[in-house]
């Protein structure tokens, strides 16, 4: 149960971080405008506060996920992180006001079904 809780919080952090990174990068502008021939210009993205907020949430995901891996099987914990796609789609639709079509919603339902199946296995640790 603790694995499910930690992974749920971690994946919410990942999706929230992605949303802030998206907002920050849209504020920064299209990187293809100057291309990768001038990579130093990419450093300007770090002047956008939303990028830093996104990085902090991504770091939160990293620390929560790695802590879950310290006691849980990878084959159990990693597939549960697919919930980040669900959270990201919900955040994109309702917070960022993105248009999410029916095929994307069907994909989200398929992911939820897969996570529900995996979470039914109550053995999150294989005993040698």
Foldseek 3Di string as FASTA:
>chain_A
DVLLVLLVLLLLLLLQLVVLLVVLVVVVPDPPVVNCVCVVSVVCSVVRVSNVSSVVSNVSSVVSLVVSVVAFDCVLNVLLSLCSLVSNVVCCCPVVVDDDDPVSVVVSVVSVVVNVVSVVPVRRHDDD
